[in-house]
Amino acid sequence: MTRHALVTGVSSGIGLATARRLLDDGWAVSGLSRGEPPLGHERLTWRATDLGDPEVLRATVLDLPAADAVVHAAGLQRTARLGQLSTRDGADMWRVHVEAASVLVDAAVDRMPRGARVVLVGSRTMTGVPGKSQYAATKAALVGMARSWAAELVGRAITVNVVAPGPTDTPMLRDPGRAATPVRLPPMGALVDPAEIAGTVSFLLGPDARSITGQTLVVCAGTSLGL
């Protein structure tokens, strides 16, 4: 039977790359995003969804087929240093990164089969970066949530993991909302490609990762080395 993955943020960036990779791997994909993805595929079902609206998100998930995998890749980044923080920006990032993940998995989990997979896309900045305190806090929260869920679901052999990218070549890097923290190339000399993150997600959804749970995989081209 064709496996079914529920993927958020499929209109661009890591979400789009993940949807494309999973379709190539033979999955059926239900994609959730505000914008329509530039993908035409018979195994792709797209639902226009505001991930910042928990009731709409829950109803959408419950209306879709049971998921063998859930990948929360949607995100946004707003940056500012202390003294210039925006309460609204912080709340928006919390809703999309943390609350949406919570609603998404909570709505899907009762129908997920034994051995299903959950992957949350976090960020290398989860350990703290100047000018990114609000963003970093939401990404750090995903780690604690993923480990808690992993412990709750281990008896059903459902794995829950976080993929934490470093600077990745997505539209987010060019968003004016993060202008306070200009992009710096990683030590390897090139931005991470979204397809690399999609490949890591694919691995975590595959048979070789059935015993990996509650973990965070950092894919950062050397950024976390502090060089």
N, C-alpha and C. Protein backbone atom coordinates (compact mmCIF):
# COMPACT_ATOMS: atom_id res chain seq x y z
N MET A 1 0.83 -1.20 0.00
CA MET A 1 0.00 0.00 0.00
C MET A 1 0.87 1.25 0.00
N THR A 2 0.39 2.32 -0.65
CA THR A 2 1.12 3.58 -0.70
C THR A 2 1.10 4.26 0.66
N ARG A 3 2.26 4.64 1.14
CA ARG A 3 2.32 5.35 2.41
C ARG A 3 1.88 6.81 2.23
N HIS A 4 1.28 7.35 3.29
CA HIS A 4 0.72 8.70 3.22
C HIS A 4 1.44 9.61 4.21
N ALA A 5 1.99 10.71 3.70
CA ALA A 5 2.67 11.69 4.54
C ALA A 5 1.91 13.01 4.53
N LEU A 6 1.81 13.60 5.70
CA LEU A 6 1.21 14.92 5.85
C LEU A 6 2.36 15.90 6.04
N VAL A 7 2.49 16.88 5.12
CA VAL A 7 3.63 17.79 5.12
C VAL A 7 3.14 19.23 5.11
N THR A 8 3.67 20.06 6.00
CA THR A 8 3.30 21.47 6.02
C THR A 8 4.34 22.32 5.30
N GLY A 9 3.91 23.51 4.90
CA GLY A 9 4.84 24.46 4.26
C GLY A 9 5.27 24.05 2.87
N VAL A 10 4.39 23.39 2.12
CA VAL A 10 4.79 22.81 0.83
C VAL A 10 4.87 23.82 -0.31
N SER A 11 4.56 25.08 -0.05
CA SER A 11 4.57 26.06 -1.15
C SER A 11 5.98 26.49 -1.54
N SER A 12 6.96 26.31 -0.63
CA SER A 12 8.32 26.74 -0.96
C SER A 12 9.31 26.12 0.02
N GLY A 13 10.59 26.37 -0.24
CA GLY A 13 11.64 26.01 0.70
C GLY A 13 11.73 24.54 1.06
N ILE A 14 11.96 24.28 2.35
CA ILE A 14 12.16 22.91 2.82
C ILE A 14 10.89 22.08 2.68
N GLY A 15 9.74 22.68 2.92
CA GLY A 15 8.48 21.94 2.77
C GLY A 15 8.27 21.47 1.35
N LEU A 16 8.54 22.35 0.39
CA LEU A 16 8.41 21.99 -1.02
C LEU A 16 9.40 20.89 -1.39
N ALA A 17 10.64 21.05 -0.97
CA ALA A 17 11.66 20.05 -1.28
C ALA A 17 11.31 18.70 -0.66
N THR A 18 10.74 18.72 0.55
CA THR A 18 10.34 17.48 1.21
C THR A 18 9.20 16.81 0.47
N ALA A 19 8.20 17.58 0.08
CA ALA A 19 7.09 17.01 -0.66
C ALA A 19 7.58 16.38 -1.97
N ARG A 20 8.46 17.09 -2.66
CA ARG A 20 9.00 16.57 -3.92
C ARG A 20 9.77 15.27 -3.69
N ARG A 21 10.61 15.24 -2.65
CA ARG A 21 11.41 14.04 -2.36
C ARG A 21 10.51 12.85 -2.00
N LEU A 22 9.50 13.09 -1.18
CA LEU A 22 8.64 11.99 -0.77
C LEU A 22 7.81 11.47 -1.94
N LEU A 23 7.37 12.35 -2.81
CA LEU A 23 6.67 11.90 -4.01
C LEU A 23 7.59 11.04 -4.87
N ASP A 24 8.85 11.46 -5.00
CA ASP A 24 9.83 10.67 -5.75
C ASP A 24 10.07 9.31 -5.09
N ASP A 25 9.95 9.28 -3.75
CA ASP A 25 10.14 8.03 -3.01
C ASP A 25 8.92 7.12 -3.04
N GLY A 26 7.82 7.59 -3.65
CA GLY A 26 6.64 6.76 -3.77
C GLY A 26 5.53 7.03 -2.77
N TRP A 27 5.71 8.05 -1.94
CA TRP A 27 4.67 8.39 -0.96
C TRP A 27 3.51 9.13 -1.63
N ALA A 28 2.35 9.04 -1.03
CA ALA A 28 1.26 9.98 -1.30
C ALA A 28 1.42 11.11 -0.29
N VAL A 29 1.26 12.35 -0.73
CA VAL A 29 1.52 13.51 0.13
C VAL A 29 0.29 14.40 0.19
N SER A 30 -0.11 14.72 1.42
CA SER A 30 -1.09 15.77 1.63
C SER A 30 -0.32 16.99 2.09
N GLY A 31 -0.35 18.05 1.28
CA GLY A 31 0.42 19.25 1.57
C GLY A 31 -0.46 20.35 2.11
N LEU A 32 -0.01 20.97 3.20
CA LEU A 32 -0.74 22.07 3.82
C LEU A 32 0.10 23.34 3.74
N SER A 33 -0.47 24.39 3.19
CA SER A 33 0.22 25.68 3.11
C SER A 33 -0.78 26.73 2.68
N ARG A 34 -0.42 27.99 2.85
CA ARG A 34 -1.32 29.06 2.39
C ARG A 34 -1.27 29.20 0.88
N GLY A 35 -0.06 29.06 0.30
CA GLY A 35 0.09 29.18 -1.14
C GLY A 35 0.14 27.81 -1.81
N GLU A 36 -0.29 27.76 -3.05
CA GLU A 36 -0.28 26.49 -3.78
C GLU A 36 1.14 26.12 -4.20
N PRO A 37 1.54 24.88 -3.98
CA PRO A 37 2.90 24.48 -4.35
C PRO A 37 3.05 24.36 -5.86
N PRO A 38 4.24 24.67 -6.38
CA PRO A 38 4.49 24.52 -7.82
C PRO A 38 4.79 23.07 -8.18
N LEU A 39 3.87 22.21 -7.83
CA LEU A 39 4.01 20.78 -8.08
C LEU A 39 2.72 20.25 -8.69
N GLY A 40 2.85 19.46 -9.72
CA GLY A 40 1.70 18.77 -10.26
C GLY A 40 1.97 17.28 -10.21
N HIS A 41 1.24 16.57 -9.35
CA HIS A 41 1.51 15.14 -9.19
C HIS A 41 0.23 14.44 -8.77
N GLU A 42 -0.02 13.27 -9.32
CA GLU A 42 -1.25 12.55 -9.02
C GLU A 42 -1.34 12.09 -7.57
N ARG A 43 -0.19 11.98 -6.90
CA ARG A 43 -0.21 11.55 -5.49
C ARG A 43 -0.11 12.71 -4.51
N LEU A 44 -0.22 13.93 -5.02
CA LEU A 44 -0.19 15.11 -4.16
C LEU A 44 -1.60 15.69 -4.01
N THR A 45 -2.01 15.85 -2.76
CA THR A 45 -3.26 16.55 -2.45
C THR A 45 -2.90 17.81 -1.68
N TRP A 46 -3.29 18.96 -2.21
CA TRP A 46 -2.96 20.22 -1.54
C TRP A 46 -4.20 20.82 -0.91
N ARG A 47 -4.05 21.27 0.34
CA ARG A 47 -5.12 21.97 1.03
C ARG A 47 -4.63 23.35 1.45
N ALA A 48 -5.31 24.38 0.99
CA ALA A 48 -4.98 25.74 1.42
C ALA A 48 -5.31 25.86 2.90
N THR A 49 -4.30 26.12 3.72
CA THR A 49 -4.48 26.08 5.17
C THR A 49 -3.69 27.20 5.84
N ASP A 50 -4.34 27.90 6.76
CA ASP A 50 -3.66 28.89 7.58
C ASP A 50 -3.17 28.17 8.83
N LEU A 51 -1.86 27.91 8.89
CA LEU A 51 -1.31 27.16 10.01
C LEU A 51 -1.36 27.95 11.32
N GLY A 52 -1.62 29.23 11.23
CA GLY A 52 -1.76 30.04 12.43
C GLY A 52 -3.14 30.00 13.03
N ASP A 53 -4.07 29.26 12.40
CA ASP A 53 -5.43 29.12 12.91
C ASP A 53 -5.62 27.69 13.39
N PRO A 54 -5.54 27.43 14.70
CA PRO A 54 -5.56 26.06 15.19
C PRO A 54 -6.83 25.29 14.86
N GLU A 55 -7.98 25.95 14.90
CA GLU A 55 -9.23 25.23 14.63
C GLU A 55 -9.32 24.80 13.17
N VAL A 56 -8.90 25.68 12.27
CA VAL A 56 -8.89 25.33 10.85
C VAL A 56 -7.91 24.20 10.59
N LEU A 57 -6.73 24.28 11.21
CA LEU A 57 -5.72 23.24 11.02
C LEU A 57 -6.22 21.89 11.52
N ARG A 58 -6.80 21.86 12.71
CA ARG A 58 -7.30 20.60 13.26
C ARG A 58 -8.37 20.00 12.36
N ALA A 59 -9.31 20.82 11.90
CA ALA A 59 -10.38 20.32 11.03
C ALA A 59 -9.82 19.78 9.72
N THR A 60 -8.80 20.44 9.18
CA THR A 60 -8.19 19.98 7.93
C THR A 60 -7.54 18.62 8.12
N VAL A 61 -6.77 18.46 9.20
CA VAL A 61 -6.09 17.18 9.45
C VAL A 61 -7.10 16.05 9.62
N LEU A 62 -8.16 16.30 10.36
CA LEU A 62 -9.17 15.27 10.61
C LEU A 62 -9.93 14.89 9.35
N ASP A 63 -9.92 15.79 8.36
CA ASP A 63 -10.62 15.52 7.11
C ASP A 63 -9.77 14.76 6.11
N LEU A 64 -8.48 14.59 6.43
CA LEU A 64 -7.55 13.88 5.53
C LEU A 64 -7.41 12.42 5.95
N PRO A 65 -6.92 11.56 5.06
CA PRO A 65 -6.68 10.16 5.43
C PRO A 65 -5.66 10.05 6.55
N ALA A 66 -5.67 8.93 7.25
CA ALA A 66 -4.70 8.68 8.31
C ALA A 66 -3.28 8.79 7.74
N ALA A 67 -2.38 9.34 8.55
CA ALA A 67 -1.02 9.59 8.09
C ALA A 67 -0.04 8.55 8.63
N ASP A 68 0.83 8.06 7.75
CA ASP A 68 1.94 7.21 8.17
C ASP A 68 3.13 8.05 8.62
N ALA A 69 3.11 9.32 8.24
CA ALA A 69 4.17 10.24 8.64
C ALA A 69 3.63 11.66 8.67
N VAL A 70 4.13 12.43 9.63
CA VAL A 70 3.81 13.86 9.71
C VAL A 70 5.13 14.63 9.70
N VAL A 71 5.25 15.58 8.79
CA VAL A 71 6.45 16.42 8.69
C VAL A 71 6.02 17.88 8.79
N HIS A 72 6.44 18.53 9.86
CA HIS A 72 6.09 19.95 10.04
C HIS A 72 7.28 20.80 9.61
N ALA A 73 7.19 21.31 8.39
CA ALA A 73 8.31 22.06 7.80
C ALA A 73 8.02 23.54 7.66
N ALA A 74 6.79 23.95 7.89
CA ALA A 74 6.44 25.37 7.72
C ALA A 74 7.17 26.23 8.73
N GLY A 75 7.52 27.43 8.31
CA GLY A 75 8.20 28.32 9.25
C GLY A 75 8.29 29.74 8.75
N LEU A 76 8.63 30.63 9.65
CA LEU A 76 8.91 32.02 9.30
C LEU A 76 9.95 32.53 10.29
N GLN A 77 10.67 33.58 9.91
CA GLN A 77 11.70 34.11 10.77
C GLN A 77 11.62 35.63 10.82
N ARG A 78 11.52 36.14 12.04
CA ARG A 78 11.60 37.58 12.29
C ARG A 78 12.72 37.79 13.29
N THR A 79 13.59 38.72 13.05
CA THR A 79 14.75 38.90 13.92
C THR A 79 14.83 40.32 14.45
N ALA A 80 15.35 40.43 15.67
CA ALA A 80 15.56 41.75 16.29
C ALA A 80 16.37 41.53 17.56
N ARG A 81 17.14 42.54 17.92
CA ARG A 81 17.93 42.47 19.15
C ARG A 81 17.10 43.01 20.32
N LEU A 82 17.56 42.69 21.53
CA LEU A 82 16.91 43.19 22.73
C LEU A 82 16.77 44.70 22.68
N GLY A 83 15.62 45.17 23.11
CA GLY A 83 15.31 46.59 23.03
C GLY A 83 14.47 46.92 21.82
N GLN A 84 14.39 45.95 20.86
CA GLN A 84 13.60 46.16 19.65
C GLN A 84 12.68 44.97 19.36
N LEU A 85 12.48 44.10 20.34
CA LEU A 85 11.68 42.90 20.11
C LEU A 85 10.21 43.24 19.88
N SER A 86 9.59 42.47 19.00
CA SER A 86 8.17 42.65 18.68
C SER A 86 7.36 41.50 19.29
N THR A 87 6.43 41.86 20.16
CA THR A 87 5.57 40.84 20.76
C THR A 87 4.78 40.11 19.69
N ARG A 88 4.32 40.84 18.69
CA ARG A 88 3.52 40.21 17.63
C ARG A 88 4.37 39.23 16.83
N ASP A 89 5.61 39.61 16.48
CA ASP A 89 6.46 38.69 15.73
C ASP A 89 6.73 37.42 16.54
N GLY A 90 6.99 37.58 17.83
CA GLY A 90 7.23 36.42 18.67
C GLY A 90 6.02 35.49 18.71
N ALA A 91 4.84 36.08 18.83
CA ALA A 91 3.61 35.27 18.87
C ALA A 91 3.36 34.58 17.54
N ASP A 92 3.62 35.27 16.43
CA ASP A 92 3.42 34.67 15.11
C ASP A 92 4.33 33.45 14.93
N MET A 93 5.61 33.58 15.33
CA MET A 93 6.53 32.45 15.19
C MET A 93 6.13 31.30 16.10
N TRP A 94 5.67 31.61 17.30
CA TRP A 94 5.23 30.56 18.22
C TRP A 94 4.03 29.80 17.63
N ARG A 95 3.08 30.53 17.06
CA ARG A 95 1.89 29.88 16.49
C ARG A 95 2.26 28.94 15.35
N VAL A 96 3.13 29.40 14.46
CA VAL A 96 3.46 28.59 13.28
C VAL A 96 4.40 27.44 13.63
N HIS A 97 5.40 27.71 14.46
CA HIS A 97 6.39 26.66 14.75
C HIS A 97 5.91 25.67 15.81
N VAL A 98 5.38 26.17 16.91
CA VAL A 98 5.10 25.31 18.07
C VAL A 98 3.63 24.92 18.16
N GLU A 99 2.75 25.91 18.17
CA GLU A 99 1.33 25.59 18.31
C GLU A 99 0.83 24.78 17.13
N ALA A 100 1.24 25.15 15.92
CA ALA A 100 0.79 24.38 14.75
C ALA A 100 1.29 22.95 14.81
N ALA A 101 2.54 22.74 15.24
CA ALA A 101 3.06 21.38 15.38
C ALA A 101 2.24 20.60 16.37
N SER A 102 1.90 21.23 17.48
CA SER A 102 1.11 20.58 18.52
C SER A 102 -0.27 20.18 18.02
N VAL A 103 -0.94 21.10 17.35
CA VAL A 103 -2.27 20.80 16.82
C VAL A 103 -2.20 19.72 15.75
N LEU A 104 -1.23 19.85 14.87
CA LEU A 104 -1.06 18.91 13.75
C LEU A 104 -0.91 17.47 14.25
N VAL A 105 0.04 17.26 15.14
CA VAL A 105 0.31 15.90 15.61
C VAL A 105 -0.80 15.41 16.53
N ASP A 106 -1.33 16.30 17.36
CA ASP A 106 -2.41 15.91 18.26
C ASP A 106 -3.63 15.43 17.47
N ALA A 107 -3.93 16.11 16.36
CA ALA A 107 -5.08 15.72 15.55
C ALA A 107 -4.84 14.44 14.77
N ALA A 108 -3.57 14.19 14.42
CA ALA A 108 -3.27 13.04 13.57
C ALA A 108 -2.98 11.76 14.34
N VAL A 109 -2.49 11.87 15.57
CA VAL A 109 -1.83 10.74 16.23
C VAL A 109 -2.73 9.54 16.49
N ASP A 110 -3.99 9.75 16.83
CA ASP A 110 -4.85 8.61 17.17
C ASP A 110 -5.08 7.68 15.99
N ARG A 111 -4.93 8.20 14.77
CA ARG A 111 -5.15 7.36 13.58
C ARG A 111 -3.84 6.90 12.94
N MET A 112 -2.72 7.30 13.52
CA MET A 112 -1.44 6.88 12.95
C MET A 112 -1.14 5.43 13.33
N PRO A 113 -0.65 4.64 12.39
CA PRO A 113 -0.41 3.22 12.66
C PRO A 113 0.87 3.01 13.47
N ARG A 114 1.01 1.84 14.00
CA ARG A 114 2.25 1.46 14.68
C ARG A 114 3.42 1.62 13.70
N GLY A 115 4.51 2.20 14.19
CA GLY A 115 5.68 2.39 13.33
C GLY A 115 5.65 3.65 12.51
N ALA A 116 4.66 4.52 12.73
CA ALA A 116 4.59 5.78 11.99
C ALA A 116 5.73 6.71 12.42
N ARG A 117 5.88 7.82 11.70
CA ARG A 117 7.00 8.73 11.94
C ARG A 117 6.51 10.17 12.04
N VAL A 118 7.18 10.92 12.92
CA VAL A 118 6.94 12.37 13.03
C VAL A 118 8.30 13.05 12.94
N VAL A 119 8.40 14.06 12.08
CA VAL A 119 9.62 14.86 11.97
C VAL A 119 9.23 16.34 12.05
N LEU A 120 9.86 17.05 12.96
CA LEU A 120 9.68 18.49 13.09
C LEU A 120 10.94 19.18 12.57
N VAL A 121 10.77 20.17 11.72
CA VAL A 121 11.92 20.91 11.21
C VAL A 121 12.22 22.06 12.15
N GLY A 122 13.34 21.93 12.84
CA GLY A 122 13.76 22.96 13.79
C GLY A 122 14.77 23.90 13.17
N SER A 123 15.82 24.21 13.92
CA SER A 123 16.85 25.10 13.41
C SER A 123 18.10 24.96 14.26
N ARG A 124 19.25 25.13 13.61
CA ARG A 124 20.52 25.14 14.32
C ARG A 124 20.56 26.27 15.35
N THR A 125 19.76 27.31 15.15
CA THR A 125 19.76 28.45 16.07
C THR A 125 19.08 28.12 17.40
N MET A 126 18.57 26.92 17.57
CA MET A 126 17.88 26.53 18.81
C MET A 126 18.76 26.72 20.05
N THR A 127 20.09 26.72 19.87
CA THR A 127 21.00 26.89 21.00
C THR A 127 21.28 28.35 21.32
N GLY A 128 20.74 29.26 20.50
CA GLY A 128 20.90 30.68 20.76
C GLY A 128 21.81 31.39 19.78
N VAL A 129 21.31 32.48 19.19
CA VAL A 129 22.07 33.31 18.25
C VAL A 129 21.70 34.77 18.50
N PRO A 130 22.66 35.68 18.59
CA PRO A 130 22.33 37.09 18.80
C PRO A 130 21.36 37.61 17.74
N GLY A 131 20.35 38.31 18.20
CA GLY A 131 19.36 38.89 17.29
C GLY A 131 18.25 37.94 16.90
N LYS A 132 18.32 36.68 17.36
CA LYS A 132 17.30 35.69 16.97
C LYS A 132 16.65 35.04 18.19
N SER A 133 16.58 35.76 19.29
CA SER A 133 16.13 35.14 20.53
C SER A 133 14.72 34.57 20.44
N GLN A 134 13.79 35.30 19.83
CA GLN A 134 12.41 34.81 19.76
C GLN A 134 12.31 33.60 18.82
N TYR A 135 12.98 33.67 17.69
CA TYR A 135 13.00 32.54 16.75
C TYR A 135 13.66 31.33 17.40
N ALA A 136 14.80 31.55 18.04
CA ALA A 136 15.53 30.45 18.67
C ALA A 136 14.68 29.78 19.74
N ALA A 137 13.92 30.58 20.49
CA ALA A 137 13.09 30.02 21.56
C ALA A 137 12.03 29.08 21.00
N THR A 138 11.43 29.45 19.87
CA THR A 138 10.40 28.57 19.30
C THR A 138 11.01 27.28 18.77
N LYS A 139 12.20 27.37 18.20
CA LYS A 139 12.85 26.17 17.67
C LYS A 139 13.37 25.28 18.80
N ALA A 140 13.83 25.89 19.89
CA ALA A 140 14.24 25.10 21.05
C ALA A 140 13.05 24.36 21.65
N ALA A 141 11.89 25.00 21.62
CA ALA A 141 10.68 24.36 22.16
C ALA A 141 10.34 23.07 21.41
N LEU A 142 10.64 23.03 20.12
CA LEU A 142 10.34 21.83 19.33
C LEU A 142 11.12 20.62 19.84
N VAL A 143 12.34 20.86 20.32
CA VAL A 143 13.16 19.75 20.81
C VAL A 143 12.53 19.13 22.05
N GLY A 144 12.13 19.97 23.01
CA GLY A 144 11.49 19.45 24.20
C GLY A 144 10.18 18.76 23.91
N MET A 145 9.42 19.30 22.96
CA MET A 145 8.15 18.70 22.60
C MET A 145 8.36 17.37 21.91
N ALA A 146 9.34 17.31 21.01
CA ALA A 146 9.60 16.07 20.28
C ALA A 146 10.05 14.95 21.22
N ARG A 147 10.93 15.27 22.17
CA ARG A 147 11.38 14.24 23.10
C ARG A 147 10.25 13.77 24.00
N SER A 148 9.37 14.68 24.39
CA SER A 148 8.21 14.29 25.21
C SER A 148 7.29 13.36 24.42
N TRP A 149 7.01 13.71 23.18
CA TRP A 149 6.16 12.86 22.35
C TRP A 149 6.82 11.52 22.07
N ALA A 150 8.13 11.53 21.84
CA ALA A 150 8.84 10.27 21.59
C ALA A 150 8.65 9.32 22.76
N ALA A 151 8.73 9.84 23.99
CA ALA A 151 8.54 9.01 25.17
C ALA A 151 7.10 8.50 25.28
N GLU A 152 6.15 9.33 24.89
CA GLU A 152 4.75 8.92 24.95
C GLU A 152 4.42 7.85 23.91
N LEU A 153 5.07 7.91 22.76
CA LEU A 153 4.69 7.07 21.63
C LEU A 153 5.61 5.88 21.40
N VAL A 154 6.65 5.74 22.21
CA VAL A 154 7.62 4.68 21.97
C VAL A 154 6.99 3.29 22.03
N GLY A 155 5.97 3.13 22.84
CA GLY A 155 5.30 1.83 22.93
C GLY A 155 4.55 1.44 21.66
N ARG A 156 4.25 2.42 20.82
CA ARG A 156 3.62 2.15 19.53
C ARG A 156 4.65 2.15 18.40
N ALA A 157 5.93 2.24 18.76
CA ALA A 157 7.03 2.26 17.80
C ALA A 157 6.91 3.44 16.83
N ILE A 158 6.26 4.52 17.28
CA ILE A 158 6.18 5.75 16.49
C ILE A 158 7.37 6.62 16.88
N THR A 159 8.21 6.97 15.90
CA THR A 159 9.38 7.78 16.19
C THR A 159 9.06 9.26 16.01
N VAL A 160 9.71 10.08 16.84
CA VAL A 160 9.56 11.54 16.76
C VAL A 160 10.95 12.16 16.82
N ASN A 161 11.32 12.89 15.79
CA ASN A 161 12.65 13.47 15.72
C ASN A 161 12.59 14.89 15.17
N VAL A 162 13.69 15.62 15.38
CA VAL A 162 13.83 16.99 14.87
C VAL A 162 15.00 17.03 13.90
N VAL A 163 14.80 17.67 12.76
CA VAL A 163 15.89 18.00 11.85
C VAL A 163 16.16 19.49 11.99
N ALA A 164 17.39 19.84 12.33
CA ALA A 164 17.74 21.23 12.61
C ALA A 164 18.71 21.77 11.58
N PRO A 165 18.22 22.45 10.54
CA PRO A 165 19.12 22.97 9.51
C PRO A 165 19.87 24.22 9.96
N GLY A 166 21.05 24.40 9.37
CA GLY A 166 21.74 25.67 9.45
C GLY A 166 21.24 26.55 8.31
N PRO A 167 22.01 27.58 7.90
CA PRO A 167 21.56 28.49 6.83
C PRO A 167 21.24 27.72 5.55
N THR A 168 19.99 27.77 5.17
CA THR A 168 19.50 26.98 4.03
C THR A 168 18.97 27.91 2.95
N ASP A 169 19.24 27.58 1.72
CA ASP A 169 18.90 28.45 0.59
C ASP A 169 17.40 28.38 0.29
N THR A 170 16.63 29.14 1.09
CA THR A 170 15.17 29.19 0.93
C THR A 170 14.73 30.65 0.87
N PRO A 171 13.48 30.92 0.48
CA PRO A 171 12.98 32.30 0.47
C PRO A 171 13.05 32.97 1.84
N MET A 172 13.07 32.19 2.93
CA MET A 172 13.14 32.77 4.26
C MET A 172 14.40 33.64 4.44
N LEU A 173 15.49 33.24 3.79
CA LEU A 173 16.74 34.00 3.93
C LEU A 173 16.63 35.39 3.32
N ARG A 174 15.70 35.55 2.38
CA ARG A 174 15.55 36.83 1.71
C ARG A 174 14.34 37.62 2.23
N ASP A 175 13.73 37.13 3.31
CA ASP A 175 12.57 37.80 3.89
C ASP A 175 13.03 39.08 4.61
N PRO A 176 12.43 40.24 4.29
CA PRO A 176 12.81 41.49 4.95
C PRO A 176 12.67 41.43 6.47
N GLY A 177 11.83 40.53 6.96
CA GLY A 177 11.61 40.42 8.40
C GLY A 177 12.81 39.92 9.17
N ARG A 178 13.81 39.41 8.46
CA ARG A 178 15.02 38.95 9.15
C ARG A 178 16.24 39.78 8.75
N ALA A 179 15.99 40.99 8.29
CA ALA A 179 17.08 41.86 7.83
C ALA A 179 18.06 42.22 8.94
N ALA A 180 17.63 42.13 10.19
CA ALA A 180 18.52 42.49 11.31
C ALA A 180 19.66 41.52 11.49
N THR A 181 19.55 40.34 10.86
CA THR A 181 20.62 39.34 10.98
C THR A 181 21.01 38.86 9.58
N PRO A 182 21.91 39.55 8.92
CA PRO A 182 22.31 39.18 7.55
C PRO A 182 22.85 37.75 7.49
N VAL A 183 22.63 37.12 6.35
CA VAL A 183 23.08 35.75 6.15
C VAL A 183 24.60 35.68 6.05
N ARG A 184 25.16 34.69 6.73
CA ARG A 184 26.59 34.42 6.61
C ARG A 184 26.78 33.00 6.10
N LEU A 185 27.68 32.84 5.14
CA LEU A 185 27.92 31.51 4.60
C LEU A 185 28.50 30.59 5.68
N PRO A 186 28.10 29.33 5.70
CA PRO A 186 28.68 28.37 6.63
C PRO A 186 30.15 28.13 6.30
N PRO A 187 30.90 27.54 7.24
CA PRO A 187 32.33 27.27 7.01
C PRO A 187 32.61 26.44 5.76
N MET A 188 31.68 25.60 5.35
CA MET A 188 31.90 24.79 4.15
C MET A 188 31.84 25.62 2.88
N GLY A 189 31.38 26.87 2.98
CA GLY A 189 31.43 27.77 1.84
C GLY A 189 30.19 27.86 0.99
N ALA A 190 29.11 27.18 1.39
CA ALA A 190 27.86 27.23 0.63
C ALA A 190 26.69 27.01 1.56
N LEU A 191 25.57 27.61 1.21
CA LEU A 191 24.35 27.38 1.98
C LEU A 191 23.91 25.93 1.85
N VAL A 192 23.21 25.45 2.86
CA VAL A 192 22.60 24.13 2.79
C VAL A 192 21.51 24.16 1.72
N ASP A 193 21.43 23.11 0.93
CA ASP A 193 20.39 23.00 -0.09
C ASP A 193 19.14 22.39 0.54
N PRO A 194 17.94 22.93 0.25
CA PRO A 194 16.72 22.33 0.79
C PRO A 194 16.59 20.84 0.50
N ALA A 195 17.12 20.40 -0.64
CA ALA A 195 17.06 18.98 -0.98
C ALA A 195 17.84 18.12 0.01
N GLU A 196 18.89 18.70 0.61
CA GLU A 196 19.65 17.97 1.63
C GLU A 196 18.79 17.72 2.87
N ILE A 197 18.03 18.73 3.26
CA ILE A 197 17.15 18.57 4.42
C ILE A 197 16.04 17.57 4.09
N ALA A 198 15.52 17.66 2.87
CA ALA A 198 14.50 16.70 2.44
C ALA A 198 15.05 15.27 2.47
N GLY A 199 16.31 15.11 2.08
CA GLY A 199 16.93 13.79 2.12
C GLY A 199 17.07 13.26 3.54
N THR A 200 17.38 14.16 4.48
CA THR A 200 17.47 13.75 5.89
C THR A 200 16.11 13.34 6.41
N VAL A 201 15.08 14.10 6.05
CA VAL A 201 13.71 13.73 6.43
C VAL A 201 13.35 12.37 5.85
N SER A 202 13.68 12.17 4.58
CA SER A 202 13.39 10.89 3.93
C SER A 202 14.05 9.74 4.67
N PHE A 203 15.29 9.94 5.11
CA PHE A 203 15.98 8.91 5.89
C PHE A 203 15.23 8.59 7.17
N LEU A 204 14.79 9.64 7.88
CA LEU A 204 14.09 9.43 9.15
C LEU A 204 12.73 8.75 8.97
N LEU A 205 12.19 8.86 7.76
CA LEU A 205 10.92 8.20 7.47
C LEU A 205 11.11 6.79 6.92
N GLY A 206 12.36 6.41 6.67
CA GLY A 206 12.65 5.13 6.04
C GLY A 206 12.97 4.02 7.04
N PRO A 207 13.17 2.81 6.53
CA PRO A 207 13.38 1.63 7.40
C PRO A 207 14.66 1.68 8.21
N ASP A 208 15.69 2.35 7.73
CA ASP A 208 16.96 2.39 8.45
C ASP A 208 16.91 3.28 9.69
N ALA A 209 15.83 4.05 9.86
CA ALA A 209 15.72 4.96 11.01
C ALA A 209 14.65 4.51 12.00
N ARG A 210 14.23 3.27 11.91
CA ARG A 210 13.12 2.83 12.77
C ARG A 210 13.48 2.86 14.26
N SER A 211 14.78 2.84 14.59
CA SER A 211 15.21 2.83 15.99
C SER A 211 15.72 4.18 16.46
N ILE A 212 15.56 5.22 15.64
CA ILE A 212 15.98 6.57 16.02
C ILE A 212 14.76 7.36 16.47
N THR A 213 14.74 7.77 17.73
CA THR A 213 13.60 8.56 18.21
C THR A 213 14.04 9.48 19.34
N GLY A 214 13.40 10.63 19.41
CA GLY A 214 13.72 11.63 20.41
C GLY A 214 15.03 12.36 20.16
N GLN A 215 15.49 12.36 18.93
CA GLN A 215 16.80 12.91 18.60
C GLN A 215 16.68 14.16 17.72
N THR A 216 17.77 14.95 17.73
CA THR A 216 17.86 16.13 16.87
C THR A 216 19.06 15.97 15.95
N LEU A 217 18.82 15.99 14.65
CA LEU A 217 19.88 15.88 13.65
C LEU A 217 20.18 17.28 13.10
N VAL A 218 21.40 17.74 13.33
CA VAL A 218 21.79 19.07 12.88
C VAL A 218 22.48 18.97 11.52
N VAL A 219 21.98 19.73 10.56
CA VAL A 219 22.53 19.75 9.19
C VAL A 219 22.91 21.19 8.89
N CYS A 220 24.18 21.56 9.12
CA CYS A 220 24.50 22.98 9.15
C CYS A 220 25.75 23.37 8.37
N ALA A 221 26.37 22.44 7.63
CA ALA A 221 27.56 22.75 6.85
C ALA A 221 28.68 23.36 7.70
N GLY A 222 28.73 22.97 8.96
CA GLY A 222 29.80 23.42 9.84
C GLY A 222 29.50 24.65 10.66
N THR A 223 28.30 25.24 10.52
CA THR A 223 27.98 26.46 11.25
C THR A 223 28.05 26.26 12.76
N SER A 224 27.61 25.10 13.23
CA SER A 224 27.57 24.86 14.68
C SER A 224 28.95 24.61 15.28
N LEU A 225 30.00 24.58 14.44
CA LEU A 225 31.34 24.37 14.96
C LEU A 225 31.93 25.62 15.60
N GLY A 226 31.28 26.75 15.36
CA GLY A 226 31.73 28.00 15.98
C GLY A 226 33.01 28.54 15.39
N LEU A 227 33.26 28.22 14.13
CA LEU A 227 34.50 28.67 13.49
C LEU A 227 34.40 30.10 13.01
